[in-house]
Amino acid sequence: MASISNDNAPPQVVVFDAFGTLLRIGIRKQPYLQLMRLARECGRKPLPDDARVLMTQELGLFAAAEWLGLPATLPALAVLEQDLFSELSSVQLFPDAVPAIQMLQEAGIRVAVCSNLAAPYAIPVKLLLPNLDAYCWSFTVGAIKSEPDIYQQVARQLDCPLSNLAMIGDTLEADCLGPRRCGMQGFHLSRDGSPTADTFTDLRSFARFVLDIV
């Protein structure tokens, strides 16, 4: 059974990852990945931090293309813009997302989301989950998970010590191990895996676990 470390107090806030945890993309087009490939085809040499820059600056698709040195008149960009719209329009909540959030909020636990994403992907998150206590995006913080700054920003937004924050997400390093190194309580969501001391297979089970220890 999962457990909270004795060094940590019962959580006052639960922080969820966004995509892969609360939400999923129904039609995957990966326009930003396509954009980086297009830049490479046009002669731009890829840099190691390209993906990080696209997630830590507030860049729409055309602004990202400009940053990559692509002309705004390039016909392929219009196709990528359509792909982006298709992806954003296909975003859906996992069936256990809202029930888990409601369980926590009804018990007085605040709920936040913390995610690495390009700026346009924040739109469906806020449309589908409009009543959370905090939204922490990599492109507004200028840092990505598992860098400490992004977790610290969540704590600042909620005026809550890191030790009172519990995070769960589908990426082990970003959503479990990274938060733990910063003093948070971190847990892994593995929908196709097996439950362990630190891993949950659905969000309802995680919410019940949190409520059992507060």
Protein backbone atom coordinates (compact mmCIF):
# COMPACT_ATOMS: atom_id res chain seq x y z
CA MET A 1 0.00 0.00 0.00
CA ALA A 2 1.19 3.53 -0.74
CA SER A 3 2.35 5.66 2.14
CA ILE A 4 3.34 9.20 2.99
CA SER A 5 6.82 9.70 4.36
CA ASN A 6 7.02 10.55 8.05
CA ASP A 7 8.98 13.64 7.03
CA ASN A 8 5.93 15.06 5.26
CA ALA A 9 2.66 16.36 6.64
CA PRO A 10 -0.67 15.19 5.19
CA PRO A 11 -1.19 16.99 1.86
CA GLN A 12 -3.17 20.20 1.72
CA VAL A 13 -2.90 20.37 -2.06
CA VAL A 14 -2.89 17.71 -4.77
CA VAL A 15 -1.03 18.65 -7.93
CA PHE A 16 -1.88 16.76 -11.09
CA ASP A 17 0.04 16.51 -14.31
CA ALA A 18 -2.16 17.40 -17.29
CA PHE A 19 -1.78 15.30 -20.43
CA GLY A 20 -1.55 11.57 -19.86
CA THR A 21 -2.95 12.05 -16.36
CA LEU A 22 -6.10 14.18 -16.39
CA LEU A 23 -6.52 14.55 -20.14
CA ARG A 24 -5.70 12.73 -23.34
CA ILE A 25 -5.37 13.79 -26.96
CA GLY A 26 -7.72 11.87 -29.22
CA ILE A 27 -6.18 12.84 -32.57
CA ARG A 28 -2.40 13.00 -32.33
CA LYS A 29 -0.77 15.21 -34.94
CA GLN A 30 2.24 16.51 -32.95
CA PRO A 31 2.46 19.83 -34.84
CA TYR A 32 5.37 21.18 -32.77
CA LEU A 33 7.40 18.04 -33.43
CA GLN A 34 6.51 18.36 -37.12
CA LEU A 35 7.62 21.99 -36.94
CA MET A 36 11.06 21.03 -35.64
CA ARG A 37 11.37 18.43 -38.38
CA LEU A 38 10.38 21.02 -40.97
CA ALA A 39 13.04 23.41 -39.68
CA ARG A 40 15.62 20.64 -39.99
CA GLU A 41 14.50 19.92 -43.56
CA CYS A 42 14.91 23.63 -44.31
CA GLY A 43 18.52 23.50 -43.19
CA ARG A 44 18.37 24.48 -39.52
CA LYS A 45 20.64 22.39 -37.33
CA PRO A 46 18.71 21.09 -34.29
CA LEU A 47 19.88 22.27 -30.87
CA PRO A 48 19.71 20.13 -27.72
CA ASP A 49 17.34 22.51 -25.93
CA ASP A 50 14.91 23.19 -28.80
CA ALA A 51 12.04 21.27 -27.20
CA ARG A 52 12.68 22.93 -23.84
CA VAL A 53 12.56 26.40 -25.39
CA LEU A 54 9.23 25.66 -27.07
CA MET A 55 7.80 24.66 -23.68
CA THR A 56 9.31 27.48 -21.62
CA GLN A 57 8.34 30.43 -23.82
CA GLU A 58 4.81 31.54 -24.64
CA LEU A 59 5.01 30.71 -28.33
CA GLY A 60 2.10 29.91 -30.58
CA LEU A 61 2.83 27.81 -33.63
CA PHE A 62 3.70 30.72 -35.94
CA ALA A 63 5.83 32.40 -33.27
CA ALA A 64 7.62 29.10 -32.74
CA ALA A 65 8.19 28.85 -36.48
CA GLU A 66 9.67 32.36 -36.48
CA TRP A 67 11.97 31.41 -33.57
CA LEU A 68 13.12 28.40 -35.61
CA GLY A 69 13.87 30.69 -38.54
CA LEU A 70 11.00 29.61 -40.78
CA PRO A 71 9.19 32.25 -42.87
CA ALA A 72 5.56 32.86 -41.87
CA THR A 73 4.56 32.52 -45.53
CA LEU A 74 5.70 28.90 -45.74
CA PRO A 75 2.65 26.92 -46.98
CA ALA A 76 3.41 23.98 -44.69
CA LEU A 77 2.73 26.17 -41.65
CA ALA A 78 -0.94 26.48 -42.56
CA VAL A 79 -1.19 22.69 -42.58
CA LEU A 80 0.48 22.49 -39.19
CA GLU A 81 -1.94 25.10 -37.83
CA GLN A 82 -4.82 22.86 -38.93
CA ASP A 83 -3.13 19.91 -37.24
CA LEU A 84 -2.82 21.92 -34.04
CA PHE A 85 -6.51 22.79 -34.15
CA SER A 86 -7.36 19.12 -34.69
CA GLU A 87 -5.31 18.10 -31.66
CA LEU A 88 -6.72 20.76 -29.38
CA SER A 89 -10.27 19.97 -30.47
CA SER A 90 -9.76 16.28 -29.72
CA VAL A 91 -8.64 16.69 -26.10
CA GLN A 92 -10.81 14.76 -23.65
CA LEU A 93 -10.80 14.13 -19.93
CA PHE A 94 -10.00 10.67 -18.64
CA PRO A 95 -13.18 9.23 -17.06
CA ASP A 96 -11.66 9.25 -13.57
CA ALA A 97 -10.36 12.84 -13.70
CA VAL A 98 -13.42 14.81 -12.60
CA PRO A 99 -14.60 12.26 -9.99
CA ALA A 100 -11.14 12.25 -8.37
CA ILE A 101 -10.96 16.05 -8.35
CA GLN A 102 -14.46 16.33 -6.89
CA MET A 103 -13.62 13.85 -4.13
CA LEU A 104 -10.63 15.95 -3.12
CA GLN A 105 -12.32 19.34 -3.38
CA GLU A 106 -15.37 18.22 -1.41
CA ALA A 107 -13.01 17.20 1.39
CA GLY A 108 -11.34 20.62 1.39
CA ILE A 109 -8.20 19.59 -0.48
CA ARG A 110 -7.07 22.19 -2.99
CA VAL A 111 -6.26 20.99 -6.50
CA ALA A 112 -3.71 22.30 -8.98
CA VAL A 113 -2.28 21.28 -12.33
CA CYS A 114 1.38 21.52 -13.29
CA SER A 115 2.42 20.68 -16.82
CA ASN A 116 5.15 20.88 -19.41
CA LEU A 117 3.49 22.04 -22.60
CA ALA A 118 3.53 24.48 -25.47
CA ALA A 119 1.29 27.47 -24.86
CA PRO A 120 -1.75 26.52 -26.99
CA TYR A 121 -2.27 23.29 -25.04
CA ALA A 122 -3.21 25.20 -21.90
CA ILE A 123 -6.46 26.26 -23.59
CA PRO A 124 -8.29 22.90 -23.50
CA VAL A 125 -7.01 22.22 -19.98
CA LYS A 126 -8.63 25.38 -18.62
CA LEU A 127 -11.78 24.88 -20.69
CA LEU A 128 -12.29 21.33 -19.46
CA LEU A 129 -11.07 21.97 -15.89
CA PRO A 130 -12.09 25.55 -15.10
CA ASN A 131 -12.37 25.33 -11.33
CA LEU A 132 -8.92 24.37 -10.10
CA ASP A 133 -7.05 26.37 -7.49
CA ALA A 134 -3.88 26.90 -9.52
CA TYR A 135 -2.53 26.34 -13.01
CA CYS A 136 1.22 26.16 -13.42
CA TRP A 137 2.54 26.00 -16.98
CA SER A 138 6.14 25.54 -18.08
CA PHE A 139 5.76 28.35 -20.63
CA THR A 140 4.81 30.90 -17.95
CA VAL A 141 7.35 29.77 -15.35
CA GLY A 142 10.26 29.46 -17.79
CA ALA A 143 11.12 26.04 -16.36
CA ILE A 144 10.07 22.48 -17.01
CA LYS A 145 9.51 19.51 -14.78
CA SER A 146 11.69 18.16 -13.23
CA GLU A 147 13.48 21.49 -12.65
CA PRO A 148 12.88 22.79 -9.10
CA ASP A 149 11.57 26.21 -10.18
CA ILE A 150 8.31 24.87 -11.57
CA TYR A 151 7.40 22.99 -8.38
CA GLN A 152 8.36 25.99 -6.28
CA GLN A 153 6.07 28.15 -8.40
CA VAL A 154 3.11 25.90 -7.62
CA ALA A 155 3.83 26.27 -3.91
CA ARG A 156 4.07 30.05 -4.26
CA GLN A 157 0.79 30.27 -6.16
CA LEU A 158 -0.97 28.38 -3.39
CA ASP A 159 1.02 29.89 -0.51
CA CYS A 160 1.66 26.38 0.74
CA PRO A 161 4.90 24.66 1.82
CA LEU A 162 6.29 22.14 -0.65
CA SER A 163 6.04 19.47 2.03
CA ASN A 164 2.23 19.85 2.01
CA LEU A 165 1.94 19.27 -1.74
CA ALA A 166 1.36 15.81 -3.24
CA MET A 167 1.82 15.35 -6.97
CA ILE A 168 0.81 12.56 -9.31
CA GLY A 169 1.40 12.07 -13.01
CA ASP A 170 2.22 9.54 -15.68
CA THR A 171 5.91 10.44 -16.01
CA LEU A 172 8.00 8.94 -13.23
CA GLU A 173 10.83 11.48 -13.26
CA ALA A 174 8.76 14.62 -13.81
CA ASP A 175 5.77 13.81 -11.62
CA CYS A 176 7.14 11.59 -8.86
CA LEU A 177 10.92 11.65 -8.43
CA GLY A 178 11.43 15.33 -9.31
CA PRO A 179 8.81 16.53 -6.82
CA ARG A 180 10.29 14.32 -4.11
CA ARG A 181 13.72 15.85 -4.56
CA CYS A 182 12.11 19.24 -3.92
CA GLY A 183 10.41 18.09 -0.71
CA MET A 184 7.01 17.29 -2.17
CA GLN A 185 5.20 13.98 -2.02
CA GLY A 186 5.39 12.37 -5.43
CA PHE A 187 3.40 9.48 -6.90
CA HIS A 188 3.34 7.76 -10.26
CA LEU A 189 0.25 7.04 -12.36
CA SER A 190 0.59 3.93 -14.51
CA ARG A 191 -2.80 3.16 -16.02
CA ASP A 192 -1.59 -0.06 -17.64
CA GLY A 193 0.70 -1.11 -14.80
CA SER A 194 0.31 -2.68 -11.39
CA PRO A 195 -0.25 -0.79 -8.13
CA THR A 196 2.79 -0.56 -5.86
CA ALA A 197 3.80 1.50 -2.84
CA ASP A 198 4.26 4.57 -5.03
CA THR A 199 2.19 3.78 -8.11
CA PHE A 200 -1.53 4.06 -8.76
CA THR A 201 -3.44 2.72 -11.74
CA ASP A 202 -6.31 5.21 -11.57
CA LEU A 203 -7.01 8.62 -10.08
CA ARG A 204 -9.96 7.59 -7.93
CA SER A 205 -7.74 5.20 -5.98
CA PHE A 206 -5.20 7.97 -5.52
CA ALA A 207 -7.88 10.39 -4.27
CA ARG A 208 -9.15 7.80 -1.79
CA PHE A 209 -5.57 7.25 -0.59
CA VAL A 210 -5.09 10.98 0.00
CA LEU A 211 -8.38 11.27 1.87
CA ASP A 212 -7.49 8.32 4.09
CA ILE A 213 -4.38 10.09 5.43
CA VAL A 214 -5.58 13.67 5.90
